[in-house]
């Protein structure tokens, strides 16, 4: 979320904390921030950020209109973090940090590459205030790369480096899109998305705007329940189709694909549980002591039950999915285990689902700690199903609806719920070896 420029500033103390995340021996001096035993790159010693440079960056940020960890806007320029959707490094690599376009009277120019010194200083100060991001596996990779570059000159075949902030921008492997305009504009977001479409159309190189995972909280797909040395052999075999859906969810980098992959695990059983439920309704009807095969009205009530189900299938092009999902949850999900899994991942989620719906899906709240288990599962099925619908149905003008990337933060809150639910379904169908 963007903040006003007055609520966030770069200062020497915060920047020093951020720099120490990569260079623990960094120190504050009268001249600025200095690391011991500076690096020699292309014959130049890189070891400091001068106080005058910090002051100039702080002044530049004070002049911005809005600032967040994913974008900074000024009146005549903007810088956005860009997330490659192809193989890592492919998107920024094809542009080579060159300027694209001209700044004539109406001109706008674009540049894709490593962050500017202003942007990387802002991100370092953000990191200094948010220790959660340091738990991400990617951040550990960045620290390892920093140690290699620092300790072994053979890893210093980097692009031309202009100071310590520029070196850090190279090390964190974050890509930004910088846009410069010849006059003030308010449509930089539109320009940025237009450029990304243009690049995808002409170069088959896909990327999106958004916060780099390095500067966000750990994602659900990074959850680990044990250490590598604690892993032993499995004692069950599982349905191969379910495994493939689950693996796709774990591997997915896009929340939409992640959510739908886990949903497909529940969907796998919709027809079976729906038909089983219909059979059970008929069985209960004909075994009820009040039922008589000699009374036409009793036979007609059974026929009505079957016809009603068949009509619903015809009208909806299949089984009633929300009802089928409810039946799947009722049959395979243990609410106490779901709560335990959610709390182990993030202790705030159970309260979040109780107090907060999903606006882009018009999905209601779910109190997982309510006393009636059946009502919990009904509410849970409704929430999951409405989120799923918002992801696969995106008619223009139909509200509410999911907007790709714009609603990813909200959708990410729903992924633990569907992932831990789908895991129980997979396990429930396991067979002992």
Protein backbone atom coordinates (compact mmCIF):
# COMPACT_ATOMS: atom_id res chain seq x y z
CA UNK A 1 0.00 0.00 0.00
CA UNK A 2 1.29 3.40 -0.89
CA UNK A 3 2.02 5.89 1.86
CA UNK A 4 2.34 9.63 1.78
CA UNK A 5 5.94 10.80 1.37
CA UNK A 6 5.78 12.55 4.74
CA UNK A 7 5.12 9.24 6.55
CA UNK A 8 8.28 7.57 5.23
CA UNK A 9 11.75 8.96 4.81
CA UNK A 10 15.22 7.60 4.21
CA UNK A 11 17.60 8.49 7.03
CA UNK A 12 21.14 7.47 7.81
CA UNK A 13 20.25 5.32 10.83
CA UNK A 14 17.59 3.24 9.03
CA UNK A 15 19.75 2.92 5.94
CA UNK A 16 22.64 1.67 8.08
CA UNK A 17 20.41 -1.08 9.52
CA UNK A 18 19.39 -2.03 5.98
CA UNK A 19 22.96 -2.11 4.68
CA UNK A 20 24.02 -4.30 7.61
CA UNK A 21 21.57 -6.97 6.44
CA UNK A 22 24.04 -7.62 3.60
CA UNK A 23 27.23 -6.18 5.07
CA UNK A 24 27.19 -6.79 8.86
CA UNK A 25 30.42 -4.85 9.37
CA UNK A 26 28.99 -1.60 7.99
CA UNK A 27 29.53 1.39 10.25
CA UNK A 28 28.19 4.91 10.43
CA UNK A 29 30.80 7.64 10.19
CA UNK A 30 30.78 11.40 9.78
CA UNK A 31 31.29 10.81 6.08
CA UNK A 32 28.34 8.41 5.77
CA UNK A 33 28.13 4.58 5.84
CA UNK A 34 31.31 2.57 5.34
CA UNK A 35 32.01 -1.17 5.01
CA UNK A 36 35.37 -2.56 6.05
CA UNK A 37 37.72 -3.94 3.42
CA UNK A 38 35.81 -2.54 0.48
CA UNK A 39 35.42 -4.47 -2.77
CA UNK A 40 37.49 -3.71 -5.85
CA UNK A 41 35.32 -3.93 -8.97
CA UNK A 42 36.68 -2.94 -12.39
CA UNK A 43 39.62 -1.22 -10.68
CA UNK A 44 37.40 0.87 -8.43
CA UNK A 45 37.01 0.52 -4.64
CA UNK A 46 33.39 0.22 -3.51
CA UNK A 47 33.10 0.76 0.24
CA UNK A 48 30.75 3.61 1.19
CA UNK A 49 27.61 5.69 0.85
CA UNK A 50 28.46 9.33 1.45
CA UNK A 51 26.35 11.51 3.73
CA UNK A 52 25.79 13.92 0.84
CA UNK A 53 24.39 11.04 -1.24
CA UNK A 54 22.04 10.01 1.58
CA UNK A 55 20.85 13.61 1.97
CA UNK A 56 20.19 13.90 -1.77
CA UNK A 57 18.21 10.62 -1.80
CA UNK A 58 16.18 11.76 1.20
CA UNK A 59 15.42 15.06 -0.55
CA UNK A 60 14.33 13.23 -3.73
CA UNK A 61 11.98 10.97 -1.78
CA UNK A 62 10.47 13.92 0.09
CA UNK A 63 9.47 15.31 -3.30
CA UNK A 64 7.59 12.16 -4.36
CA UNK A 65 3.79 11.99 -4.48
CA UNK A 66 3.42 8.43 -3.14
CA UNK A 67 5.75 5.66 -2.02
CA UNK A 68 5.42 1.94 -1.30
CA UNK A 69 7.69 -1.10 -1.47
CA UNK A 70 6.51 -1.67 -5.04
CA UNK A 71 6.41 1.84 -6.53
CA UNK A 72 7.47 5.45 -6.09
CA UNK A 73 5.70 8.23 -8.01
CA UNK A 74 6.83 11.76 -8.67
CA UNK A 75 5.08 14.30 -10.89
CA UNK A 76 7.21 13.54 -13.95
CA UNK A 77 8.62 10.07 -13.27
CA UNK A 78 7.95 6.81 -11.48
CA UNK A 79 9.73 3.57 -10.61
CA UNK A 80 8.01 0.20 -10.15
CA UNK A 81 9.25 -3.19 -9.05
CA UNK A 82 8.61 -5.72 -11.82
CA UNK A 83 8.09 -9.46 -11.26
CA UNK A 84 9.19 -11.62 -14.23
CA UNK A 85 6.66 -14.30 -15.08
CA UNK A 86 9.03 -16.20 -17.37
CA UNK A 87 12.16 -17.93 -16.11
CA UNK A 88 13.98 -15.83 -13.53
CA UNK A 89 16.19 -13.17 -15.04
CA UNK A 90 14.83 -13.49 -18.56
CA UNK A 91 12.73 -10.33 -18.56
CA UNK A 92 15.32 -7.82 -17.37
CA UNK A 93 18.11 -9.55 -19.27
CA UNK A 94 16.67 -8.83 -22.71
CA UNK A 95 16.61 -5.05 -22.19
CA UNK A 96 20.18 -4.51 -21.00
CA UNK A 97 19.30 -1.41 -18.96
CA UNK A 98 18.95 0.66 -22.12
CA UNK A 99 16.54 3.57 -22.40
CA UNK A 100 13.54 2.83 -24.59
CA UNK A 101 11.71 5.76 -26.16
CA UNK A 102 12.54 9.43 -26.41
CA UNK A 103 11.67 12.37 -24.20
CA UNK A 104 10.44 14.81 -26.80
CA UNK A 105 7.72 17.37 -26.18
CA UNK A 106 5.21 14.60 -25.46
CA UNK A 107 7.84 11.91 -24.91
CA UNK A 108 8.01 9.15 -22.36
CA UNK A 109 11.04 6.90 -21.88
CA UNK A 110 11.31 3.51 -20.18
CA UNK A 111 14.18 1.60 -18.63
CA UNK A 112 14.14 -1.96 -17.26
CA UNK A 113 16.92 -3.14 -14.98
CA UNK A 114 18.26 -2.96 -11.46
CA UNK A 115 16.75 -0.40 -9.04
CA UNK A 116 17.98 3.17 -8.92
CA UNK A 117 19.98 4.27 -5.88
CA UNK A 118 16.94 6.17 -4.61
CA UNK A 119 14.70 3.11 -4.89
CA UNK A 120 17.20 0.65 -3.35
CA UNK A 121 17.84 3.02 -0.44
CA UNK A 122 14.09 3.22 0.13
CA UNK A 123 13.81 -0.60 0.04
CA UNK A 124 16.71 -1.04 2.47
CA UNK A 125 15.02 1.30 4.94
CA UNK A 126 11.79 -0.68 4.49
CA UNK A 127 13.66 -3.91 5.26
CA UNK A 128 15.12 -2.33 8.37
CA UNK A 129 11.57 -1.86 9.65
CA UNK A 130 10.21 -5.29 8.66
CA UNK A 131 12.20 -8.24 9.99
CA UNK A 132 9.63 -10.78 8.71
CA UNK A 133 10.94 -10.51 5.17
CA UNK A 134 14.31 -11.80 6.29
CA UNK A 135 12.77 -15.27 6.75
CA UNK A 136 12.24 -15.78 3.03
CA UNK A 137 14.45 -18.39 1.32
CA UNK A 138 15.29 -15.87 -1.38
CA UNK A 139 16.74 -13.44 1.14
CA UNK A 140 19.06 -16.19 2.37
CA UNK A 141 20.15 -16.66 -1.25
CA UNK A 142 20.91 -12.96 -1.54
CA UNK A 143 23.08 -13.09 1.57
CA UNK A 144 24.97 -16.10 0.17
CA UNK A 145 25.56 -14.27 -3.11
CA UNK A 146 26.83 -11.24 -1.21
CA UNK A 147 29.35 -13.38 0.69
CA UNK A 148 30.58 -14.98 -2.55
CA UNK A 149 31.04 -11.61 -4.26
CA UNK A 150 32.79 -10.21 -1.22
CA UNK A 151 35.10 -13.15 -0.52
CA UNK A 152 36.04 -14.25 -4.03
CA UNK A 153 37.04 -11.81 -6.81
CA UNK A 154 36.01 -14.31 -9.51
CA UNK A 155 32.38 -13.55 -8.71
CA UNK A 156 32.86 -9.81 -9.33
CA UNK A 157 32.32 -9.88 -13.10
CA UNK A 158 29.40 -7.51 -12.60
CA UNK A 159 28.03 -4.72 -14.73
CA UNK A 160 29.65 -1.31 -14.13
CA UNK A 161 29.00 -0.42 -10.50
CA UNK A 162 28.50 3.18 -9.39
CA UNK A 163 28.89 3.07 -5.61
CA UNK A 164 27.75 0.84 -2.74
CA UNK A 165 24.00 1.35 -3.29
CA UNK A 166 24.43 0.38 -6.93
CA UNK A 167 26.28 -2.78 -5.84
CA UNK A 168 23.48 -3.67 -3.42
CA UNK A 169 20.94 -3.12 -6.20
CA UNK A 170 22.89 -5.67 -8.26
CA UNK A 171 23.08 -8.15 -5.38
CA UNK A 172 19.38 -8.20 -4.46
CA UNK A 173 18.43 -9.18 -8.02
CA UNK A 174 15.30 -7.04 -8.02
CA UNK A 175 14.04 -5.64 -11.33
CA UNK A 176 12.42 -2.24 -11.69
CA UNK A 177 10.77 -0.32 -14.51
CA UNK A 178 11.71 3.38 -14.54
CA UNK A 179 9.50 5.78 -16.49
CA UNK A 180 10.48 9.37 -17.23
CA UNK A 181 8.15 11.91 -18.80
CA UNK A 182 8.90 15.30 -20.29
CA UNK A 183 6.05 16.89 -18.31
CA UNK A 184 3.90 16.07 -15.25
CA UNK A 185 1.53 13.09 -15.59
CA UNK A 186 -0.85 11.15 -13.34
CA UNK A 187 -1.09 7.96 -15.44
CA UNK A 188 2.22 6.23 -14.72
CA UNK A 189 0.48 3.01 -13.65
CA UNK A 190 -1.31 2.92 -17.00
CA UNK A 191 1.92 3.62 -18.85
CA UNK A 192 3.73 0.87 -16.94
CA UNK A 193 1.09 -1.75 -17.67
CA UNK A 194 0.99 -0.64 -21.30
CA UNK A 195 4.74 -1.15 -21.58
CA UNK A 196 4.46 -4.64 -20.07
CA UNK A 197 1.79 -5.59 -22.62
CA UNK A 198 3.92 -4.15 -25.41
CA UNK A 199 6.93 -6.22 -24.26
CA UNK A 200 4.87 -9.40 -23.92
CA UNK A 201 3.25 -8.91 -27.34
CA UNK A 202 6.48 -8.23 -29.21
CA UNK A 203 9.07 -10.22 -27.25
CA UNK A 204 7.02 -12.95 -25.57
CA UNK A 205 8.51 -11.73 -22.27
CA UNK A 206 5.95 -11.55 -19.48
CA UNK A 207 6.20 -9.59 -16.24
CA UNK A 208 3.84 -7.82 -13.86
CA UNK A 209 3.94 -4.91 -11.46
CA UNK A 210 4.02 -5.78 -7.78
CA UNK A 211 6.10 -6.17 -4.65
CA UNK A 212 9.17 -8.33 -5.05
CA UNK A 213 8.98 -11.47 -2.89
CA UNK A 214 12.26 -10.41 -1.29
CA UNK A 215 10.44 -7.53 0.38
CA UNK A 216 7.21 -9.31 1.29
CA UNK A 217 6.22 -11.81 3.99
CA UNK A 218 6.98 -15.54 3.51
CA UNK A 219 4.49 -17.19 1.16
CA UNK A 220 2.32 -20.15 2.05
CA UNK A 221 4.08 -22.37 -0.48
CA UNK A 222 7.29 -21.97 1.53
CA UNK A 223 5.84 -23.65 4.62
CA UNK A 224 8.00 -26.44 6.04
CA UNK A 225 6.73 -28.83 8.69
CA UNK A 226 10.09 -30.44 9.45
CA UNK A 227 13.79 -30.20 8.79
CA UNK A 228 15.38 -32.16 5.96
CA UNK A 229 17.07 -34.63 8.33
CA UNK A 230 13.76 -35.36 10.06
CA UNK A 231 12.08 -36.56 6.85
CA UNK A 232 11.46 -40.31 6.77
CA UNK A 233 9.82 -42.60 4.20
CA UNK A 234 6.09 -42.18 3.47
CA UNK A 235 3.75 -44.76 4.95
CA UNK A 236 0.86 -44.15 2.56
CA UNK A 237 0.34 -43.96 -1.19
CA UNK A 238 -1.91 -41.29 -2.67
CA UNK A 239 -4.07 -40.64 -5.71
CA UNK A 240 -1.77 -39.54 -8.55
CA UNK A 241 -4.20 -36.96 -9.95
CA UNK A 242 -4.51 -35.33 -6.54
CA UNK A 243 -0.73 -35.31 -6.13
CA UNK A 244 -0.29 -33.52 -9.47
CA UNK A 245 -2.80 -30.81 -8.55
CA UNK A 246 -1.11 -30.40 -5.17
CA UNK A 247 2.38 -30.16 -6.67
CA UNK A 248 1.17 -27.52 -9.12
CA UNK A 249 -0.18 -25.50 -6.20
CA UNK A 250 3.05 -25.76 -4.20
CA UNK A 251 5.14 -24.79 -7.24
CA UNK A 252 2.87 -21.97 -8.46
CA UNK A 253 4.26 -18.44 -8.29
CA UNK A 254 0.91 -16.84 -9.14
CA UNK A 255 -1.72 -16.86 -6.34
CA UNK A 256 -4.60 -17.45 -8.78
CA UNK A 257 -3.02 -20.65 -10.13
CA UNK A 258 -2.06 -21.68 -6.61
CA UNK A 259 -5.62 -21.33 -5.32
CA UNK A 260 -7.25 -23.12 -8.26
CA UNK A 261 -4.75 -26.00 -8.10
CA UNK A 262 -5.73 -26.74 -4.52
CA UNK A 263 -9.42 -26.26 -5.32
CA UNK A 264 -9.20 -28.93 -8.04
CA UNK A 265 -8.39 -31.47 -5.33
CA UNK A 266 -11.80 -30.95 -3.71
CA UNK A 267 -13.45 -30.70 -7.13
CA UNK A 268 -12.13 -34.17 -8.00
CA UNK A 269 -14.78 -35.68 -5.70
CA UNK A 270 -17.77 -33.45 -6.47
CA UNK A 271 -19.70 -35.85 -8.68
CA UNK A 272 -19.10 -38.82 -6.38
CA UNK A 273 -20.16 -37.12 -3.16
CA UNK A 274 -23.16 -35.51 -4.87
CA UNK A 275 -24.36 -38.86 -6.23
CA UNK A 276 -23.63 -40.60 -2.92
CA UNK A 277 -25.70 -37.95 -1.16
CA UNK A 278 -28.61 -38.48 -3.57
CA UNK A 279 -28.42 -42.25 -3.03
CA UNK A 280 -28.45 -41.70 0.71
CA UNK A 281 -31.49 -39.43 0.46
CA UNK A 282 -33.35 -42.11 -1.53
CA UNK A 283 -32.21 -44.85 0.86
CA UNK A 284 -33.43 -42.91 3.88
CA UNK A 285 -36.72 -42.23 2.15
CA UNK A 286 -37.53 -45.84 1.28
CA UNK A 287 -36.33 -47.24 4.63
CA UNK A 288 -38.26 -44.72 6.72
CA UNK A 289 -40.96 -46.54 8.70
CA UNK A 290 -43.55 -44.12 7.36
CA UNK A 291 -42.78 -45.10 3.74
CA UNK A 292 -45.03 -47.59 1.97
CA UNK A 293 -44.53 -49.00 -1.52
CA UNK A 294 -48.30 -49.30 -1.66
CA UNK A 295 -48.89 -45.54 -1.45
CA UNK A 296 -48.44 -43.61 -4.68
CA UNK A 297 -47.62 -40.37 -2.87
CA UNK A 298 -44.66 -42.05 -1.12
CA UNK A 299 -43.28 -43.31 -4.42
CA UNK A 300 -43.86 -39.85 -5.93
CA UNK A 301 -41.84 -38.19 -3.14
CA UNK A 302 -38.85 -40.38 -4.03
CA UNK A 303 -39.26 -39.60 -7.72
CA UNK A 304 -39.48 -35.91 -6.85
CA UNK A 305 -36.19 -36.09 -4.96
CA UNK A 306 -34.42 -37.73 -7.92
CA UNK A 307 -36.03 -35.43 -10.51
CA UNK A 308 -35.08 -32.33 -8.49
CA UNK A 309 -31.45 -33.43 -8.41
CA UNK A 310 -31.42 -34.25 -12.12
CA UNK A 311 -33.04 -30.92 -13.00
CA UNK A 312 -30.39 -29.09 -11.01
CA UNK A 313 -27.65 -30.96 -12.87
CA UNK A 314 -29.22 -30.10 -16.25
CA UNK A 315 -29.68 -26.42 -15.41
CA UNK A 316 -26.21 -25.95 -13.96
CA UNK A 317 -24.41 -28.14 -16.48
CA UNK A 318 -23.30 -30.46 -13.70
CA UNK A 319 -23.68 -31.06 -10.00
CA UNK A 320 -24.39 -28.20 -7.61
CA UNK A 321 -20.76 -27.31 -6.90
CA UNK A 322 -21.28 -25.38 -3.69
CA UNK A 323 -23.39 -28.21 -2.28
CA UNK A 324 -20.85 -30.77 -3.50
CA UNK A 325 -18.01 -28.79 -1.89
CA UNK A 326 -19.97 -28.69 1.33
CA UNK A 327 -20.37 -32.48 1.18
CA UNK A 328 -16.64 -32.95 0.52
CA UNK A 329 -15.76 -30.80 3.52
CA UNK A 330 -18.32 -32.56 5.69
CA UNK A 331 -16.88 -35.95 4.79
CA UNK A 332 -13.13 -35.33 4.80
CA UNK A 333 -12.28 -32.22 6.84
CA UNK A 334 -11.48 -32.08 10.54
CA UNK A 335 -11.98 -28.49 11.68
CA UNK A 336 -9.71 -28.83 14.73
CA UNK A 337 -6.86 -30.00 12.51
CA UNK A 338 -7.53 -27.15 10.07
CA UNK A 339 -7.36 -24.63 12.91
CA UNK A 340 -4.12 -26.20 14.17
CA UNK A 341 -2.54 -25.99 10.70
CA UNK A 342 -3.60 -22.37 10.28
CA UNK A 343 -2.28 -21.37 13.70
CA UNK A 344 1.03 -23.11 13.04
CA UNK A 345 1.42 -21.06 9.86
CA UNK A 346 0.05 -17.69 11.01
CA UNK A 347 -1.63 -17.15 14.36
CA UNK A 348 -3.73 -14.26 13.02
CA UNK A 349 -5.55 -16.15 10.26
CA UNK A 350 -8.34 -17.77 12.30
CA UNK A 351 -9.32 -14.35 13.66
CA UNK A 352 -8.99 -12.86 10.15
CA UNK A 353 -11.50 -15.33 8.67
CA UNK A 354 -13.89 -14.64 11.56
CA UNK A 355 -13.87 -10.86 11.18
CA UNK A 356 -13.09 -10.31 7.50
CA UNK A 357 -14.80 -11.40 4.30
CA UNK A 358 -13.34 -11.39 0.80
CA UNK A 359 -14.52 -8.16 -0.90
CA UNK A 360 -13.50 -9.07 -4.45
CA UNK A 361 -15.56 -12.28 -4.19
CA UNK A 362 -18.41 -11.03 -1.98
CA UNK A 363 -17.52 -13.96 0.28
CA UNK A 364 -18.63 -13.86 3.89
CA UNK A 365 -16.84 -14.45 7.16
CA UNK A 366 -16.18 -17.88 8.71
CA UNK A 367 -15.93 -18.52 12.43
CA UNK A 368 -13.88 -21.70 12.53
CA UNK A 369 -14.22 -21.85 16.32
CA UNK A 370 -18.02 -21.80 16.38
CA UNK A 371 -19.77 -24.63 18.21
CA UNK A 372 -21.72 -26.13 15.28
CA UNK A 373 -19.33 -28.04 13.03
CA UNK A 374 -21.91 -28.42 10.27
CA UNK A 375 -22.53 -24.68 10.12
CA UNK A 376 -18.77 -24.03 10.04
CA UNK A 377 -18.37 -26.29 7.02
CA UNK A 378 -21.32 -24.70 5.23
CA UNK A 379 -19.85 -21.23 5.75
CA UNK A 380 -16.40 -22.49 4.77
CA UNK A 381 -17.73 -24.08 1.57
CA UNK A 382 -19.53 -20.86 0.66
CA UNK A 383 -16.41 -18.74 1.16
CA UNK A 384 -14.13 -21.09 -0.79
CA UNK A 385 -16.63 -21.48 -3.61
CA UNK A 386 -17.25 -17.74 -3.98
CA UNK A 387 -13.52 -17.04 -4.13
CA UNK A 388 -13.13 -19.75 -6.77
CA UNK A 389 -15.97 -18.24 -8.82
CA UNK A 390 -14.41 -14.80 -8.72
CA UNK A 391 -11.17 -16.26 -10.11
CA UNK A 392 -12.72 -18.07 -13.07
CA UNK A 393 -15.55 -15.66 -13.93
CA UNK A 394 -14.35 -12.14 -14.79
CA UNK A 395 -17.15 -10.54 -16.81
CA UNK A 396 -16.57 -6.85 -17.42
CA UNK A 397 -18.89 -4.76 -15.30
CA UNK A 398 -19.88 -7.64 -13.05
CA UNK A 399 -19.14 -6.78 -9.43
CA UNK A 400 -17.49 -7.98 -7.36
CA UNK A 401 -14.72 -9.60 -9.37
CA UNK A 402 -11.10 -10.53 -9.03
CA UNK A 403 -8.55 -8.24 -10.70
CA UNK A 404 -5.31 -10.08 -11.51
CA UNK A 405 -2.37 -8.89 -9.37
CA UNK A 406 -4.40 -6.03 -7.84
CA UNK A 407 -6.14 -8.44 -5.44
CA UNK A 408 -3.21 -10.80 -4.90
CA UNK A 409 -2.62 -9.63 -1.32
CA UNK A 410 -6.25 -10.41 -0.41
CA UNK A 411 -6.18 -13.70 -2.30
CA UNK A 412 -2.97 -14.75 -0.57
CA UNK A 413 -4.86 -14.68 2.74
CA UNK A 414 -7.25 -17.31 1.32
CA UNK A 415 -4.54 -19.69 0.13
CA UNK A 416 -3.72 -21.20 3.56
CA UNK A 417 -7.41 -22.04 3.98
CA UNK A 418 -7.69 -23.89 0.66
CA UNK A 419 -4.22 -25.48 0.87
CA UNK A 420 -4.68 -27.00 4.33
CA UNK A 421 -8.17 -28.11 3.37
CA UNK A 422 -6.92 -29.82 0.21
CA UNK A 423 -4.14 -31.54 2.16
CA UNK A 424 -6.67 -33.20 4.42
CA UNK A 425 -8.59 -34.45 1.37
CA UNK A 426 -5.45 -35.96 -0.15
CA UNK A 427 -4.48 -37.63 3.12
CA UNK A 428 -8.01 -38.94 3.68
CA UNK A 429 -7.66 -40.92 0.43
CA UNK A 430 -4.24 -42.30 1.23
CA UNK A 431 -3.70 -46.06 1.39
CA UNK A 432 -1.33 -47.72 3.82
CA UNK A 433 1.75 -49.22 2.19
